[in-house]
Amino acid sequence: MKVLIAPWGNPFGWKEVEYVYNGQKEKSKDPLILIRKIENPDKVIILSVDTLADDYVHSFKNPSCNDIKTCAENLISNFTQKELGFIPDKIIISYGFGEFNNTKFIGNAIDFYYNTFKELVFYFTDLLPQINKEIEVIFDATHGINYVTILTYRALREILEIFVYVYDVKLKVLNSDPFVGREAKVDRLNINVIEKSKILPKISVYKSDKRSVEPCFLLENKSKEKIGKDIESFIFEISFNTDEILIFLGSFLYALPVFILSYMIDSAALKEKIEKISEKFEKNICLMNLSKLEIFRNWEFRENFANLIKAYLVSSILEKIGFKKLSDIPLSKIEDLKNKVYKNFPIESNRIDKEIDDIKGLQNITQQYEVYNKIKRDTVLNQVDKRNFFAHAGFEHNVIGLKKENEEIYIRIYAGNKNFAEELIKENLPQI
């Protein structure tokens, strides 16, 4: 699967110039026409901001937030069709900020990142049925404006670093020679490869005391208090369990296979929560016709929103390769998870292999669950050893129980130390 992604500013100020890439050339207002011709991507995504609608808001009598986003999307679609001869497979319009001729967009700048992260994750997970072993992404940074390019690249990189746990992922970043300020003297612009890398697996997980959404920091204190109560009620209504998300992501981060499968969350349920938060976020955007049309985002996204999206992405990938939440986990399923997910982690993989071999070597596993420590040492239950918990990939002898049924060994988290293990995972995550 090859995907071409381009962050864009306002295309209506671009001028035609000859672009050169891989020995071929094309005269155009944007390098995408030539990049598509040479790279032949399966999908093309263009990202931009709602502030593009500034010159067109007067055409709406009483514009809504959706009207503004749709207007910006249509501008991109019409431009690509007219000037580049194609329509992108996906256009993502995210939240901008700043004051313009006819509009003033007010909100936390980081909203662009969180929303873009969500939209890219949704699009990539929709592609999962079409992805076999490889993902190649080409990122054209030529026409992206400052924060749009930076935050889109950040979101994309985080997504690809999660995909590479299971897939082979490559990233190529392109950027053409600069054009602004040299119009009269420029004959052609080279499209340069500024990064070409094989992505390595990584997932960043942070715990936060903040909710997935919070009142916008620009609000006055009284408004913050009122909106904060509304958010609290809404979060309770959708049953958003931050601890559950952190335990699942922490288990994935620390390569704890028993806990990954025990705390795995259904991706459809996660997506529903993400969509509800996004819908409520948009309902709390106020449009006011003053000297200019002011678009004020009363809510702002926070890191626990990103955690929810990461949990959705990880669950979607795990489901694609044949895993689901289990309370009684066959040892063969642990082996399967290790082989499919942690094959690129030699230390973690060897650690899990050692635990599997030790369990297979036990002679006295019964048909009823018993704590590993009792089976191994025939002693009373001891307190969980923090170092051993992570050093043994979550197979700490006081944390799991074992049984044998029909020649298959099953593993389950021991209820008596379950809460202690949960806290161990959470407390070792970095706080922001």
Protein backbone atom coordinates (compact mmCIF):
# COMPACT_ATOMS: atom_id res chain seq x y z
CA MET A 1 0.00 0.00 0.00
CA LYS A 2 1.48 3.33 -1.08
CA VAL A 3 -0.05 6.55 0.25
CA LEU A 4 0.81 10.10 -0.83
CA ILE A 5 0.09 12.81 1.76
CA ALA A 6 0.38 16.57 1.30
CA PRO A 7 -0.38 19.36 3.79
CA TRP A 8 -1.55 22.49 1.98
CA GLY A 9 -1.97 26.17 2.63
CA ASN A 10 -4.05 28.35 0.29
CA PRO A 11 -3.58 27.01 -3.27
CA PHE A 12 -5.09 30.06 -4.97
CA GLY A 13 -1.89 32.06 -4.60
CA TRP A 14 0.33 29.45 -6.25
CA LYS A 15 1.84 30.06 -9.67
CA GLU A 16 2.68 27.64 -12.43
CA VAL A 17 6.29 26.50 -12.60
CA GLU A 18 8.18 23.54 -14.00
CA TYR A 19 8.87 20.84 -11.42
CA VAL A 20 11.61 18.22 -11.87
CA TYR A 21 11.61 14.84 -10.10
CA ASN A 22 13.49 11.63 -10.86
CA GLY A 23 14.56 12.91 -14.28
CA GLN A 24 11.05 13.86 -15.35
CA LYS A 25 9.45 17.29 -15.48
CA GLU A 26 5.96 18.76 -15.43
CA LYS A 27 4.66 22.32 -15.51
CA SER A 28 2.08 22.81 -12.77
CA LYS A 29 0.97 24.91 -9.79
CA ASP A 30 1.81 22.06 -7.41
CA PRO A 31 4.29 19.15 -7.50
CA LEU A 32 1.61 16.54 -6.75
CA ILE A 33 0.82 16.09 -10.43
CA LEU A 34 4.40 14.95 -11.13
CA ILE A 35 4.81 12.99 -7.89
CA ARG A 36 1.61 11.03 -8.64
CA LYS A 37 2.85 10.28 -12.15
CA ILE A 38 6.18 8.88 -10.96
CA GLU A 39 5.28 7.29 -7.60
CA ASN A 40 1.87 5.91 -8.65
CA PRO A 41 0.35 5.91 -5.14
CA ASP A 42 -2.72 3.87 -4.27
CA LYS A 43 -4.21 6.74 -2.26
CA VAL A 44 -3.74 10.51 -2.10
CA ILE A 45 -4.59 12.57 1.00
CA ILE A 46 -4.51 16.37 1.19
CA LEU A 47 -4.74 18.16 4.54
CA SER A 48 -5.57 21.78 5.15
CA VAL A 49 -7.39 24.11 7.55
CA ASP A 50 -10.88 25.58 7.90
CA THR A 51 -9.40 29.09 7.69
CA LEU A 52 -9.31 28.59 3.90
CA ALA A 53 -12.99 29.55 3.87
CA ASP A 54 -12.22 33.15 4.89
CA ASP A 55 -12.96 34.73 1.50
CA TYR A 56 -16.22 32.82 1.08
CA VAL A 57 -18.06 33.12 4.39
CA HIS A 58 -20.11 36.04 3.03
CA SER A 59 -21.88 33.54 0.74
CA PHE A 60 -23.55 31.95 3.81
CA LYS A 61 -26.45 33.71 5.48
CA ASN A 62 -26.01 31.96 8.83
CA PRO A 63 -22.93 29.75 8.44
CA SER A 64 -22.36 26.74 10.65
CA CYS A 65 -19.08 25.10 11.59
CA ASN A 66 -19.84 22.35 9.09
CA ASP A 67 -20.51 24.92 6.34
CA ILE A 68 -17.05 26.38 6.86
CA LYS A 69 -15.31 23.00 6.78
CA THR A 70 -17.28 21.90 3.71
CA CYS A 71 -16.43 25.15 1.96
CA ALA A 72 -12.70 24.63 2.60
CA GLU A 73 -12.93 21.02 1.43
CA ASN A 74 -14.72 22.02 -1.76
CA LEU A 75 -12.05 24.64 -2.50
CA ILE A 76 -9.36 21.96 -2.32
CA SER A 77 -11.40 19.48 -4.36
CA ASN A 78 -12.20 22.03 -7.10
CA PHE A 79 -8.59 23.19 -7.29
CA THR A 80 -7.14 19.70 -7.64
CA GLN A 81 -9.71 18.76 -10.26
CA LYS A 82 -9.21 21.92 -12.32
CA GLU A 83 -5.47 22.49 -11.92
CA LEU A 84 -4.07 18.99 -11.28
CA GLY A 85 -6.56 16.79 -13.09
CA PHE A 86 -7.60 14.56 -10.21
CA ILE A 87 -9.63 14.49 -6.98
CA PRO A 88 -7.85 13.26 -3.83
CA ASP A 89 -9.07 10.07 -2.21
CA LYS A 90 -9.34 11.96 1.07
CA ILE A 91 -9.37 15.65 2.01
CA ILE A 92 -8.91 16.39 5.70
CA ILE A 93 -9.88 19.83 6.93
CA SER A 94 -8.73 20.48 10.46
CA TYR A 95 -8.94 23.37 12.94
CA GLY A 96 -6.95 26.50 12.17
CA PHE A 97 -6.48 29.68 14.16
CA GLY A 98 -5.77 33.34 13.55
CA GLU A 99 -7.43 36.50 12.27
CA PHE A 100 -8.11 37.05 8.58
CA ASN A 101 -9.96 39.52 6.32
CA ASN A 102 -13.45 38.26 7.11
CA THR A 103 -13.00 35.78 9.94
CA LYS A 104 -11.33 35.21 13.27
CA PHE A 105 -10.67 31.61 14.32
CA ILE A 106 -10.13 31.33 18.08
CA GLY A 107 -9.04 28.21 19.95
CA ASN A 108 -6.08 26.17 21.07
CA ALA A 109 -3.61 25.73 18.20
CA ILE A 110 -2.94 22.11 19.21
CA ASP A 111 -6.54 21.23 18.26
CA PHE A 112 -5.22 20.95 14.70
CA TYR A 113 -2.86 18.16 15.74
CA TYR A 114 -5.38 16.12 17.73
CA ASN A 115 -8.06 16.32 15.05
CA THR A 116 -5.60 15.54 12.26
CA PHE A 117 -4.26 12.59 14.26
CA LYS A 118 -7.81 11.27 14.61
CA GLU A 119 -8.70 11.73 10.93
CA LEU A 120 -5.49 10.09 9.70
CA VAL A 121 -5.96 7.14 12.08
CA PHE A 122 -9.55 6.68 10.91
CA TYR A 123 -8.43 6.73 7.28
CA PHE A 124 -5.54 4.32 7.77
CA THR A 125 -7.67 1.87 9.76
CA ASP A 126 -10.25 1.93 6.96
CA LEU A 127 -7.40 0.83 4.67
CA LEU A 128 -6.43 -2.12 6.91
CA PRO A 129 -8.33 -4.73 4.84
CA GLN A 130 -6.25 -3.64 1.81
CA ILE A 131 -2.87 -3.65 3.57
CA ASN A 132 -0.86 -6.86 3.34
CA LYS A 133 2.72 -6.54 4.58
CA GLU A 134 4.03 -3.15 3.49
CA ILE A 135 3.06 0.49 3.86
CA GLU A 136 4.96 3.18 2.00
CA VAL A 137 4.12 6.82 2.69
CA ILE A 138 5.30 9.77 0.63
CA PHE A 139 4.92 13.09 2.42
CA ASP A 140 5.14 16.21 0.23
CA ALA A 141 5.90 19.22 2.42
CA THR A 142 6.21 21.71 -0.45
CA HIS A 143 3.04 23.74 0.12
CA GLY A 144 2.24 23.18 3.76
CA ILE A 145 2.18 26.26 5.98
CA ASN A 146 4.27 26.22 9.20
CA TYR A 147 2.14 24.55 11.90
CA VAL A 148 0.10 22.52 9.37
CA THR A 149 3.24 20.80 8.07
CA ILE A 150 4.86 20.32 11.48
CA LEU A 151 1.79 18.92 13.23
CA THR A 152 0.73 16.74 10.29
CA TYR A 153 4.20 15.21 10.15
CA ARG A 154 4.12 14.64 13.91
CA ALA A 155 0.73 12.88 13.72
CA LEU A 156 1.76 10.82 10.70
CA ARG A 157 5.02 9.71 12.28
CA GLU A 158 3.25 8.56 15.46
CA ILE A 159 0.78 6.53 13.42
CA LEU A 160 3.45 4.86 11.29
CA GLU A 161 5.53 4.01 14.38
CA ILE A 162 2.54 2.01 15.67
CA PHE A 163 1.84 0.33 12.32
CA VAL A 164 5.44 -0.90 12.11
CA TYR A 165 4.86 -3.27 15.05
CA VAL A 166 3.11 -5.48 12.49
CA TYR A 167 3.87 -4.05 9.03
CA ASP A 168 6.98 -3.04 7.11
CA VAL A 169 6.77 0.76 6.90
CA LYS A 170 8.79 3.22 4.82
CA LEU A 171 8.58 7.01 4.77
CA LYS A 172 9.82 9.39 2.11
CA VAL A 173 9.57 13.16 2.64
CA LEU A 174 9.73 15.49 -0.36
CA ASN A 175 10.11 19.25 -0.62
CA SER A 176 10.66 21.32 -3.76
CA ASP A 177 13.13 24.17 -4.15
CA PRO A 178 11.74 27.45 -2.72
CA PHE A 179 9.73 29.59 -5.13
CA VAL A 180 8.57 32.64 -3.14
CA GLY A 181 10.60 35.75 -3.84
CA ARG A 182 12.30 34.35 -6.94
CA GLU A 183 9.36 34.25 -9.35
CA ALA A 184 10.93 36.30 -12.13
CA LYS A 185 14.14 34.25 -12.27
CA VAL A 186 12.93 30.70 -11.67
CA ASP A 187 12.94 28.31 -14.63
CA ARG A 188 12.35 25.09 -12.76
CA LEU A 189 12.12 23.70 -9.24
CA ASN A 190 13.67 20.42 -8.18
CA ILE A 191 11.60 18.15 -5.95
CA ASN A 192 14.07 17.05 -3.29
CA VAL A 193 14.05 13.97 -1.08
CA ILE A 194 14.72 15.41 2.39
CA GLU A 195 14.07 12.21 4.33
CA LYS A 196 14.01 8.56 3.38
CA SER A 197 13.72 6.18 6.29
CA LYS A 198 12.56 2.78 7.41
CA ILE A 199 10.31 3.47 10.38
CA LEU A 200 11.13 1.76 13.68
CA PRO A 201 8.42 0.64 16.13
CA LYS A 202 7.52 3.00 18.95
CA ILE A 203 4.46 4.07 20.89
CA SER A 204 4.34 7.13 23.13
CA VAL A 205 1.93 6.88 26.05
CA TYR A 206 1.46 9.65 28.61
CA LYS A 207 -0.85 9.77 31.59
CA SER A 208 -2.57 13.01 32.38
CA ASP A 209 -4.85 14.32 35.12
CA LYS A 210 -6.82 16.21 32.47
CA ARG A 211 -9.87 14.88 30.69
CA SER A 212 -9.88 14.06 26.98
CA VAL A 213 -11.40 17.51 26.39
CA GLU A 214 -11.18 20.60 28.57
CA PRO A 215 -12.57 24.15 28.46
CA CYS A 216 -10.54 26.30 26.07
CA PHE A 217 -7.71 28.06 27.90
CA LEU A 218 -8.84 31.38 26.39
CA LEU A 219 -12.17 31.35 28.26
CA GLU A 220 -12.80 33.46 31.35
CA ASN A 221 -12.84 31.60 34.68
CA LYS A 222 -16.64 31.64 35.10
CA SER A 223 -17.16 30.20 31.64
CA LYS A 224 -14.44 27.62 32.25
CA GLU A 225 -16.19 26.45 35.39
CA LYS A 226 -19.57 26.08 33.68
CA ILE A 227 -18.17 24.36 30.59
CA GLY A 228 -16.02 22.15 32.81
CA LYS A 229 -19.14 20.83 34.52
CA ASP A 230 -20.75 20.17 31.14
CA ILE A 231 -17.67 18.23 30.05
CA GLU A 232 -17.63 16.21 33.27
CA SER A 233 -21.26 15.22 32.74
CA PHE A 234 -20.62 14.33 29.11
CA ILE A 235 -17.55 12.18 29.89
CA PHE A 236 -19.54 10.31 32.53
CA GLU A 237 -22.37 9.78 30.05
CA ILE A 238 -20.16 8.11 27.44
CA SER A 239 -18.41 5.95 30.08
CA PHE A 240 -14.91 7.04 29.20
CA ASN A 241 -12.52 4.99 31.36
CA THR A 242 -9.09 6.61 31.28
CA ASP A 243 -7.50 3.92 33.46
CA GLU A 244 -8.66 1.15 31.14
CA ILE A 245 -7.07 2.92 28.16
CA LEU A 246 -3.79 3.52 29.99
CA ILE A 247 -3.49 -0.09 31.19
CA PHE A 248 -4.05 -1.41 27.67
CA LEU A 249 -1.59 1.04 26.07
CA GLY A 250 0.93 0.56 28.88
CA SER A 251 0.76 -3.21 28.40
CA PHE A 252 1.47 -2.72 24.70
CA LEU A 253 4.33 -0.30 25.42
CA TYR A 254 5.99 -2.60 27.96
CA ALA A 255 5.35 -5.81 25.96
CA LEU A 256 3.17 -7.57 28.54
CA PRO A 257 1.25 -10.07 26.35
CA VAL A 258 -1.08 -11.47 29.04
CA PHE A 259 -2.19 -7.94 29.92
CA ILE A 260 -2.52 -6.85 26.29
CA LEU A 261 -5.07 -9.59 25.58
CA SER A 262 -6.77 -9.23 28.97
CA TYR A 263 -7.30 -5.47 28.59
CA MET A 264 -7.76 -5.23 24.83
CA ILE A 265 -10.74 -3.03 23.93
CA ASP A 266 -13.13 -3.56 21.04
CA SER A 267 -12.14 -1.10 18.31
CA ALA A 268 -15.75 -0.38 17.30
CA ALA A 269 -16.57 0.68 20.87
CA LEU A 270 -13.50 2.92 20.96
CA LYS A 271 -14.34 4.52 17.63
CA GLU A 272 -17.87 5.27 18.83
CA LYS A 273 -16.48 7.15 21.86
CA ILE A 274 -14.02 9.10 19.71
CA GLU A 275 -16.79 10.10 17.31
CA LYS A 276 -19.06 11.20 20.16
CA ILE A 277 -16.32 13.39 21.63
CA SER A 278 -15.60 14.91 18.20
CA GLU A 279 -19.28 15.59 17.54
CA LYS A 280 -19.72 17.24 20.94
CA PHE A 281 -16.54 19.24 20.37
CA GLU A 282 -18.02 20.70 17.18
CA LYS A 283 -21.35 21.43 18.84
CA ASN A 284 -19.42 23.59 21.29
CA ILE A 285 -17.95 25.79 18.57
CA CYS A 286 -19.67 29.20 18.66
CA LEU A 287 -20.04 31.41 15.59
CA MET A 288 -20.66 35.10 16.21
CA ASN A 289 -21.22 37.78 13.57
CA LEU A 290 -19.39 40.81 14.95
CA SER A 291 -17.14 43.10 12.91
CA LYS A 292 -15.92 39.78 11.52
CA LEU A 293 -17.29 36.28 11.76
CA GLU A 294 -15.71 34.87 14.92
CA ILE A 295 -15.39 31.09 15.22
CA PHE A 296 -14.67 30.26 18.87
CA ARG A 297 -13.87 26.72 20.00
CA ASN A 298 -15.10 26.48 23.59
CA TRP A 299 -13.47 23.07 24.06
CA GLU A 300 -9.89 21.98 23.47
CA PHE A 301 -8.51 18.46 23.01
CA ARG A 302 -6.04 17.04 25.52
CA GLU A 303 -3.64 14.08 25.66
CA ASN A 304 -6.22 11.58 26.88
CA PHE A 305 -8.02 12.12 23.58
CA ALA A 306 -4.83 11.05 21.78
CA ASN A 307 -4.59 8.02 24.11
CA LEU A 308 -8.11 6.98 23.12
CA ILE A 309 -7.16 7.24 19.44
CA LYS A 310 -3.95 5.24 19.97
CA ALA A 311 -5.90 2.53 21.78
CA TYR A 312 -8.31 2.43 18.83
CA LEU A 313 -5.43 2.13 16.35
CA VAL A 314 -3.66 -0.63 18.31
CA SER A 315 -6.91 -2.57 18.80
CA SER A 316 -7.77 -2.27 15.10
CA ILE A 317 -4.38 -3.65 14.07
CA LEU A 318 -4.56 -6.49 16.61
CA GLU A 319 -8.06 -7.41 15.45
CA LYS A 320 -6.87 -7.42 11.82
CA ILE A 321 -4.20 -10.02 12.65
CA GLY A 322 -6.57 -12.24 14.61
CA PHE A 323 -6.65 -11.13 18.26
CA LYS A 324 -9.46 -10.19 20.63
CA LYS A 325 -9.98 -9.59 24.34
CA LEU A 326 -9.59 -12.76 26.41
CA SER A 327 -9.77 -13.54 30.12
CA ASP A 328 -8.59 -17.15 29.71
CA ILE A 329 -5.63 -16.97 27.36
CA PRO A 330 -4.19 -20.06 25.64
CA LEU A 331 -0.39 -20.12 25.79
CA SER A 332 -0.41 -20.68 22.03
CA LYS A 333 -2.11 -17.29 21.65
CA ILE A 334 0.70 -15.66 23.61
CA GLU A 335 3.22 -17.23 21.22
CA ASP A 336 1.20 -15.99 18.26
CA LEU A 337 1.11 -12.45 19.65
CA LYS A 338 4.85 -12.49 20.28
CA ASN A 339 5.60 -13.70 16.76
CA LYS A 340 3.32 -11.19 15.05
CA VAL A 341 3.82 -8.05 17.16
CA TYR A 342 7.19 -8.20 18.91
CA LYS A 343 9.29 -9.81 16.19
CA ASN A 344 11.23 -6.53 15.79
CA PHE A 345 11.98 -6.34 19.53
CA PRO A 346 14.74 -8.90 20.21
CA ILE A 347 14.99 -8.18 23.94
CA GLU A 348 11.24 -8.31 24.55
CA SER A 349 10.81 -11.27 22.21
CA ASN A 350 13.53 -13.31 23.94
CA ARG A 351 12.09 -12.40 27.33
CA ILE A 352 8.62 -13.66 26.35
CA ASP A 353 10.13 -16.82 24.81
CA LYS A 354 11.88 -17.60 28.10
CA GLU A 355 8.61 -17.26 30.04
CA ILE A 356 6.75 -19.47 27.56
CA ASP A 357 9.45 -22.16 27.80
CA ASP A 358 9.40 -22.05 31.60
CA ILE A 359 5.63 -22.54 31.67
CA LYS A 360 5.80 -25.37 29.14
CA GLY A 361 8.35 -27.08 31.38
CA LEU A 362 6.04 -27.18 34.42
CA GLN A 363 4.95 -30.69 35.35
CA ASN A 364 2.17 -30.13 37.86
CA ILE A 365 -0.35 -27.78 36.26
CA THR A 366 -3.87 -28.90 37.17
CA GLN A 367 -7.25 -28.49 35.47
CA GLN A 368 -8.12 -25.73 37.97
CA TYR A 369 -6.44 -22.34 38.02
CA GLU A 370 -3.65 -22.00 40.57
CA VAL A 371 -1.29 -19.11 41.15
CA TYR A 372 1.97 -19.60 39.26
CA ASN A 373 3.97 -19.20 42.47
CA LYS A 374 2.20 -22.16 44.07
CA ILE A 375 2.72 -24.35 41.02
CA LYS A 376 6.37 -23.37 40.76
CA ARG A 377 7.39 -23.41 44.40
CA ASP A 378 4.47 -24.95 46.27
CA THR A 379 4.52 -22.00 48.69
CA VAL A 380 2.01 -19.45 49.88
CA LEU A 381 1.31 -16.39 47.78
CA ASN A 382 3.94 -13.67 48.04
CA GLN A 383 3.77 -9.96 47.34
CA VAL A 384 4.28 -8.93 43.72
CA ASP A 385 7.88 -8.01 42.96
CA LYS A 386 7.89 -4.78 40.93
CA ARG A 387 11.17 -5.51 39.19
CA ASN A 388 10.16 -9.06 38.33
CA PHE A 389 6.83 -7.91 36.94
CA PHE A 390 8.46 -6.01 34.07
CA ALA A 391 11.60 -8.16 33.83
CA HIS A 392 9.41 -11.22 33.24
CA ALA A 393 7.09 -9.54 30.70
CA GLY A 394 4.14 -9.56 33.13
CA PHE A 395 4.49 -13.28 33.93
CA GLU A 396 5.35 -12.46 37.55
CA HIS A 397 4.66 -15.60 39.59
CA ASN A 398 2.22 -13.89 41.95
CA VAL A 399 0.26 -12.12 39.21
CA ILE A 400 -0.91 -14.92 36.94
CA GLY A 401 -2.68 -18.25 37.37
CA LEU A 402 -2.30 -21.33 35.18
CA LYS A 403 -4.40 -24.33 34.29
CA LYS A 404 -4.18 -27.13 31.74
CA GLU A 405 -7.11 -28.36 29.70
CA ASN A 406 -7.07 -30.66 26.65
CA GLU A 407 -3.28 -30.38 26.41
CA GLU A 408 -3.49 -26.58 26.22
CA ILE A 409 -2.11 -24.36 28.99
CA TYR A 410 -4.30 -21.37 29.86
CA ILE A 411 -3.26 -18.18 31.62
CA ARG A 412 -5.37 -15.73 33.59
CA ILE A 413 -4.54 -12.71 35.75
CA TYR A 414 -4.81 -13.61 39.43
CA ALA A 415 -7.68 -11.56 40.89
CA GLY A 416 -5.96 -11.02 44.24
CA ASN A 417 -3.11 -9.04 42.69
CA LYS A 418 -4.91 -7.65 39.67
CA ASN A 419 -5.31 -4.12 41.07
CA PHE A 420 -1.68 -4.02 42.16
CA ALA A 421 -0.54 -5.00 38.64
CA GLU A 422 -2.80 -2.36 37.09
CA GLU A 423 -1.26 0.32 39.29
CA LEU A 424 2.25 -0.86 38.40
CA ILE A 425 1.54 -0.36 34.71
CA LYS A 426 -0.04 3.06 35.17
CA GLU A 427 2.44 4.49 37.66
CA ASN A 428 5.38 3.75 35.36
CA LEU A 429 3.94 5.78 32.48
CA PRO A 430 5.34 9.33 32.12
CA GLN A 431 3.11 12.09 33.50
CA ILE A 432 2.36 15.25 31.56
